[in-house]
């Protein structure tokens, strides 16, 4: 995987992680403002909750895939463990909350998931910046700039 595709994976990873955050914050706000949403039987019968759970699992799977596609090539390029470690911890927290009964335990679990999503977006940004500003990429840029062009 090249540098450009890893940078694209980081950009898309930031977008998905922030999308997770918007989803968590929006649903938490909706449930806090309208607690009767939990009580309405018609939403359960029409399958809204299953669709929301499917969306959360899809976002989680996309986040895992993008972390693998962005962090591993990033580590090979800049050899820094920080972004990958932050992404791994964030994803483990999100996975633990979303895939267990903690998910429906309280509204605070949405705050935990939202925080993990923001940290995941930060990890992608950190990895992206290290890839753009790594010594290897700076050396190649300066080597290209120092070459004499056609006269």
Protein backbone atom coordinates (compact mmCIF):
# COMPACT_ATOMS: atom_id res chain seq x y z
CA UNK A 1 0.00 0.00 0.00
CA UNK A 2 1.48 3.30 -1.07
CA UNK A 3 1.78 6.56 0.76
CA UNK A 4 -1.16 8.13 -1.04
CA UNK A 5 -3.53 5.25 -0.29
CA UNK A 6 -2.47 5.25 3.37
CA UNK A 7 -3.11 9.01 3.55
CA UNK A 8 -6.50 8.46 1.91
CA UNK A 9 -7.30 5.75 4.47
CA UNK A 10 -6.34 8.18 7.26
CA UNK A 11 -8.57 10.89 5.82
CA UNK A 12 -11.49 8.52 5.41
CA UNK A 13 -10.77 7.13 8.91
CA UNK A 14 -11.07 10.62 10.38
CA UNK A 15 -14.38 11.03 8.55
CA UNK A 16 -15.77 7.69 9.80
CA UNK A 17 -14.57 8.30 13.37
CA UNK A 18 -16.20 11.72 13.43
CA UNK A 19 -19.33 10.17 11.87
CA UNK A 20 -19.42 7.76 14.80
CA UNK A 21 -19.16 10.72 17.14
CA UNK A 22 -21.98 12.60 15.46
CA UNK A 23 -24.13 9.44 15.56
CA UNK A 24 -23.46 8.88 19.28
CA UNK A 25 -23.97 12.51 20.24
CA UNK A 26 -27.07 12.91 18.11
CA UNK A 27 -28.79 9.80 19.41
CA UNK A 28 -27.89 10.60 23.00
CA UNK A 29 -29.30 14.08 22.61
CA UNK A 30 -32.46 12.75 20.95
CA UNK A 31 -33.01 10.19 23.72
CA UNK A 32 -32.31 12.76 26.43
CA UNK A 33 -34.75 15.27 24.92
CA UNK A 34 -37.37 12.71 23.97
CA UNK A 35 -37.25 9.83 26.46
CA UNK A 36 -40.53 8.49 25.11
CA UNK A 37 -38.62 7.28 22.03
CA UNK A 38 -37.43 4.37 24.16
CA UNK A 39 -41.00 3.58 25.14
CA UNK A 40 -42.76 3.67 21.77
CA UNK A 41 -43.57 0.14 20.75
CA UNK A 42 -44.12 1.03 17.10
CA UNK A 43 -40.41 1.83 16.69
CA UNK A 44 -39.53 -1.61 18.03
CA UNK A 45 -42.05 -3.27 15.74
CA UNK A 46 -40.91 -1.51 12.57
CA UNK A 47 -37.29 -2.51 13.16
CA UNK A 48 -35.77 0.91 13.78
CA UNK A 49 -33.63 -0.30 16.66
CA UNK A 50 -32.23 -3.22 14.65
CA UNK A 51 -31.30 -0.78 11.89
CA UNK A 52 -29.54 1.48 14.38
CA UNK A 53 -27.61 -1.46 15.80
CA UNK A 54 -26.71 -2.57 12.26
CA UNK A 55 -25.44 0.99 11.57
CA UNK A 56 -23.29 0.95 14.70
CA UNK A 57 -21.79 -2.43 13.86
CA UNK A 58 -21.11 -1.25 10.29
CA UNK A 59 -19.36 1.89 11.52
CA UNK A 60 -17.31 -0.22 13.93
CA UNK A 61 -16.28 -2.66 11.17
CA UNK A 62 -15.34 0.26 8.89
CA UNK A 63 -13.29 1.79 11.70
CA UNK A 64 -11.37 -1.46 12.25
CA UNK A 65 -10.73 -1.84 8.52
CA UNK A 66 -9.51 1.74 8.14
CA UNK A 67 -7.23 1.45 11.15
CA UNK A 68 -5.59 -1.59 9.59
CA UNK A 69 -5.31 0.10 6.19
CA UNK A 70 -3.88 3.34 7.60
CA UNK A 71 -1.92 2.53 10.75
CA UNK A 72 0.15 -0.44 9.54
CA UNK A 73 1.56 1.33 6.45
CA UNK A 74 1.96 4.46 8.56
CA UNK A 75 4.03 2.54 11.09
CA UNK A 76 6.19 1.09 8.31
CA UNK A 77 6.77 4.60 7.02
CA UNK A 78 7.47 6.59 10.19
CA UNK A 79 8.13 3.82 12.78
CA UNK A 80 6.20 5.58 15.55
CA UNK A 81 3.89 3.48 17.70
CA UNK A 82 1.86 6.33 19.20
CA UNK A 83 -0.88 6.72 16.56
CA UNK A 84 -1.44 2.98 16.26
CA UNK A 85 -1.57 2.51 20.02
CA UNK A 86 -4.06 5.36 20.45
CA UNK A 87 -6.19 3.92 17.63
CA UNK A 88 -6.06 0.42 19.12
CA UNK A 89 -7.08 1.56 22.61
CA UNK A 90 -9.88 3.70 21.16
CA UNK A 91 -11.18 0.84 19.04
CA UNK A 92 -11.01 -1.64 21.89
CA UNK A 93 -13.08 0.71 24.06
CA UNK A 94 -15.60 1.26 21.27
CA UNK A 95 -15.81 -2.48 20.58
CA UNK A 96 -16.28 -3.29 24.28
CA UNK A 97 -19.10 -0.79 24.61
CA UNK A 98 -20.91 -1.49 21.32
CA UNK A 99 -20.75 -5.30 21.32
CA UNK A 100 -21.66 -5.95 24.95
CA UNK A 101 -24.58 -5.17 27.20
CA UNK A 102 -22.74 -2.01 28.33
CA UNK A 103 -24.11 -0.36 25.21
CA UNK A 104 -27.60 -0.12 26.70
CA UNK A 105 -26.52 0.29 30.33
CA UNK A 106 -26.75 4.09 30.50
CA UNK A 107 -26.41 7.26 28.49
CA UNK A 108 -22.85 7.59 29.80
CA UNK A 109 -21.81 4.76 27.51
CA UNK A 110 -22.59 7.04 24.57
CA UNK A 111 -20.22 9.60 26.07
CA UNK A 112 -17.54 6.91 26.41
CA UNK A 113 -18.06 5.82 22.80
CA UNK A 114 -18.06 9.43 21.61
CA UNK A 115 -14.77 10.10 23.43
CA UNK A 116 -13.23 6.96 21.95
CA UNK A 117 -14.36 8.08 18.49
CA UNK A 118 -12.76 11.49 18.93
CA UNK A 119 -9.52 9.84 20.08
CA UNK A 120 -9.67 7.57 17.04
CA UNK A 121 -10.01 10.58 14.75
CA UNK A 122 -7.04 12.16 16.56
CA UNK A 123 -5.01 8.97 16.00
CA UNK A 124 -5.76 9.09 12.27
CA UNK A 125 -4.81 12.78 12.13
CA UNK A 126 -1.59 12.08 14.06
CA UNK A 127 -0.72 9.23 11.69
CA UNK A 128 -1.54 11.43 8.68
CA UNK A 129 0.68 14.26 9.94
CA UNK A 130 3.56 11.88 10.66
CA UNK A 131 3.24 10.45 7.17
CA UNK A 132 3.26 13.89 5.57
CA UNK A 133 6.07 15.23 7.72
CA UNK A 134 8.21 12.14 8.25
CA UNK A 135 11.95 12.48 7.63
CA UNK A 136 11.71 10.09 4.69
CA UNK A 137 9.07 12.20 2.94
CA UNK A 138 10.96 15.41 3.77
CA UNK A 139 14.17 13.94 2.38
CA UNK A 140 12.47 12.94 -0.84
CA UNK A 141 10.92 16.41 -1.16
CA UNK A 142 14.24 18.16 -0.61
CA UNK A 143 15.99 15.79 -3.03
CA UNK A 144 13.38 16.59 -5.70
CA UNK A 145 13.73 20.31 -5.07
CA UNK A 146 17.54 20.26 -5.20
CA UNK A 147 17.67 18.52 -8.58
CA UNK A 148 18.55 20.90 -11.35
CA UNK A 149 15.74 21.21 -13.82
CA UNK A 150 16.06 21.49 -17.56
CA UNK A 151 17.58 24.78 -18.59
